[in-house]
Amino acid sequence: MPKLRSLSGKEIIQILEQFNFKKISQTGSHIKMRHYSRDFPTISIIVPNHKVIKRSLAGAIYSKALKRVPEQKLRPFFYTH
């Protein structure tokens, strides 16, 4: 059964940028990223820029990103094979 990978904030930011999420602002170590679309409402994701992100938070970020990114494209970045 696949498990969530242990990811850093920097890795998550790079993954989201591949799917057209843009850095909007930063407060301390937390980076706000947004995905704009003409067809859907804008969504924002806050990513803590920490060395290790708790798996529960990585799962929440993954779930929110699925609103804009197809699961078959996003899943390999977040889950082990």
C-alpha atoms as a PDB file:
ATOM      1  CA  MET A   1       0.000   0.000   0.000  1.00  0.00           C
ATOM      2  CA  PRO A   2       1.462   3.413  -0.949  1.00  0.00           C
ATOM      3  CA  LYS A   3       2.495   5.778   1.840  1.00  0.00           C
ATOM      4  CA  LEU A   4       2.833   9.530   1.881  1.00  0.00           C
ATOM      5  CA  ARG A   5       6.426  10.557   1.284  1.00  0.00           C
ATOM      6  CA  SER A   6       8.373  12.642   3.743  1.00  0.00           C
ATOM      7  CA  LEU A   7       8.653  15.996   1.961  1.00  0.00           C
ATOM      8  CA  SER A   8      10.157  19.374   2.746  1.00  0.00           C
ATOM      9  CA  GLY A   9       8.358  22.655   2.219  1.00  0.00           C
ATOM     10  CA  LYS A  10      10.731  23.463  -0.636  1.00  0.00           C
ATOM     11  CA  GLU A  11       9.877  20.175  -2.375  1.00  0.00           C
ATOM     12  CA  ILE A  12       6.137  20.776  -2.034  1.00  0.00           C
ATOM     13  CA  ILE A  13       6.504  24.303  -3.419  1.00  0.00           C
ATOM     14  CA  GLN A  14       8.437  22.970  -6.433  1.00  0.00           C
ATOM     15  CA  ILE A  15       5.771  20.307  -7.044  1.00  0.00           C
ATOM     16  CA  LEU A  16       2.948  22.848  -6.908  1.00  0.00           C
ATOM     17  CA  GLU A  17       4.802  25.245  -9.213  1.00  0.00           C
ATOM     18  CA  GLN A  18       4.925  22.492 -11.851  1.00  0.00           C
ATOM     19  CA  PHE A  19       1.116  22.582 -11.839  1.00  0.00           C
ATOM     20  CA  ASN A  20       0.843  26.378 -12.258  1.00  0.00           C
ATOM     21  CA  PHE A  21       0.522  27.362  -8.610  1.00  0.00           C
ATOM     22  CA  LYS A  22       2.166  30.758  -8.062  1.00  0.00           C
ATOM     23  CA  LYS A  23       3.867  32.155  -4.966  1.00  0.00           C
ATOM     24  CA  ILE A  24       1.768  35.097  -3.810  1.00  0.00           C
ATOM     25  CA  SER A  25       3.238  36.111  -0.458  1.00  0.00           C
ATOM     26  CA  GLN A  26       5.285  34.963   2.484  1.00  0.00           C
ATOM     27  CA  THR A  27       4.835  35.612   6.189  1.00  0.00           C
ATOM     28  CA  GLY A  28       7.729  34.243   8.197  1.00  0.00           C
ATOM     29  CA  SER A  29       8.309  30.708   6.969  1.00  0.00           C
ATOM     30  CA  HIS A  30       4.812  30.255   5.510  1.00  0.00           C
ATOM     31  CA  ILE A  31       4.373  30.711   1.772  1.00  0.00           C
ATOM     32  CA  LYS A  32       0.967  31.345   0.214  1.00  0.00           C
ATOM     33  CA  MET A  33       0.473  29.777  -3.202  1.00  0.00           C
ATOM     34  CA  ARG A  34      -2.486  30.292  -5.525  1.00  0.00           C
ATOM     35  CA  HIS A  35      -3.900  28.586  -8.572  1.00  0.00           C
ATOM     36  CA  TYR A  36      -5.916  30.781 -10.915  1.00  0.00           C
ATOM     37  CA  SER A  37      -8.434  29.471 -13.421  1.00  0.00           C
ATOM     38  CA  ARG A  38     -11.095  31.113 -15.574  1.00  0.00           C
ATOM     39  CA  ASP A  39     -13.397  28.128 -15.133  1.00  0.00           C
ATOM     40  CA  PHE A  40     -13.045  27.566 -11.374  1.00  0.00           C
ATOM     41  CA  PRO A  41     -12.703  29.709  -8.244  1.00  0.00           C
ATOM     42  CA  THR A  42      -9.160  30.559  -7.182  1.00  0.00           C
ATOM     43  CA  ILE A  43      -7.697  28.317  -4.476  1.00  0.00           C
ATOM     44  CA  SER A  44      -4.910  29.127  -2.040  1.00  0.00           C
ATOM     45  CA  ILE A  45      -2.569  26.744  -0.257  1.00  0.00           C
ATOM     46  CA  ILE A  46      -0.305  27.731   2.627  1.00  0.00           C
ATOM     47  CA  VAL A  47       2.980  25.796   2.663  1.00  0.00           C
ATOM     48  CA  PRO A  48       5.336  26.046   5.652  1.00  0.00           C
ATOM     49  CA  ASN A  49       8.872  26.306   4.318  1.00  0.00           C
ATOM     50  CA  HIS A  50      10.245  23.770   6.821  1.00  0.00           C
ATOM     51  CA  LYS A  51      12.831  21.024   6.354  1.00  0.00           C
ATOM     52  CA  VAL A  52      10.257  18.327   7.084  1.00  0.00           C
ATOM     53  CA  ILE A  53       6.490  18.682   6.687  1.00  0.00           C
ATOM     54  CA  LYS A  54       4.321  16.444   8.861  1.00  0.00           C
ATOM     55  CA  ARG A  55       2.677  13.753   6.770  1.00  0.00           C
ATOM     56  CA  SER A  56      -0.778  14.809   7.934  1.00  0.00           C
ATOM     57  CA  LEU A  57      -0.155  18.336   6.627  1.00  0.00           C
ATOM     58  CA  ALA A  58       1.352  17.005   3.379  1.00  0.00           C
ATOM     59  CA  GLY A  59      -1.833  14.935   2.962  1.00  0.00           C
ATOM     60  CA  ALA A  60      -3.997  18.012   3.498  1.00  0.00           C
ATOM     61  CA  ILE A  61      -1.970  19.984   0.933  1.00  0.00           C
ATOM     62  CA  TYR A  62      -2.275  17.056  -1.494  1.00  0.00           C
ATOM     63  CA  SER A  63      -6.054  16.906  -1.009  1.00  0.00           C
ATOM     64  CA  LYS A  64      -6.464  20.614  -1.626  1.00  0.00           C
ATOM     65  CA  ALA A  65      -4.229  20.534  -4.729  1.00  0.00           C
ATOM     66  CA  LEU A  66      -6.408  17.728  -6.151  1.00  0.00           C
ATOM     67  CA  LYS A  67      -9.105  20.349  -6.698  1.00  0.00           C
ATOM     68  CA  ARG A  68      -7.003  21.644  -9.625  1.00  0.00           C
ATOM     69  CA  VAL A  69      -4.594  18.837 -10.546  1.00  0.00           C
ATOM     70  CA  PRO A  70      -5.634  15.371 -11.792  1.00  0.00           C
ATOM     71  CA  GLU A  71      -4.829  12.674  -9.235  1.00  0.00           C
ATOM     72  CA  GLN A  72      -2.834  10.512 -11.675  1.00  0.00           C
ATOM     73  CA  LYS A  73      -0.429  13.427 -12.273  1.00  0.00           C
ATOM     74  CA  LEU A  74      -0.061  14.579  -8.657  1.00  0.00           C
ATOM     75  CA  ARG A  75      -0.012  11.235  -6.793  1.00  0.00           C
ATOM     76  CA  PRO A  76       3.524  10.108  -7.852  1.00  0.00           C
ATOM     77  CA  PHE A  77       5.008  13.227  -6.235  1.00  0.00           C
ATOM     78  CA  PHE A  78       3.334  12.666  -2.854  1.00  0.00           C
ATOM     79  CA  TYR A  79       3.100   8.870  -2.516  1.00  0.00           C
ATOM     80  CA  THR A  80       5.593   6.007  -2.695  1.00  0.00           C
ATOM     81  CA  HIS A  81       5.061   3.353  -5.342  1.00  0.00           C
END
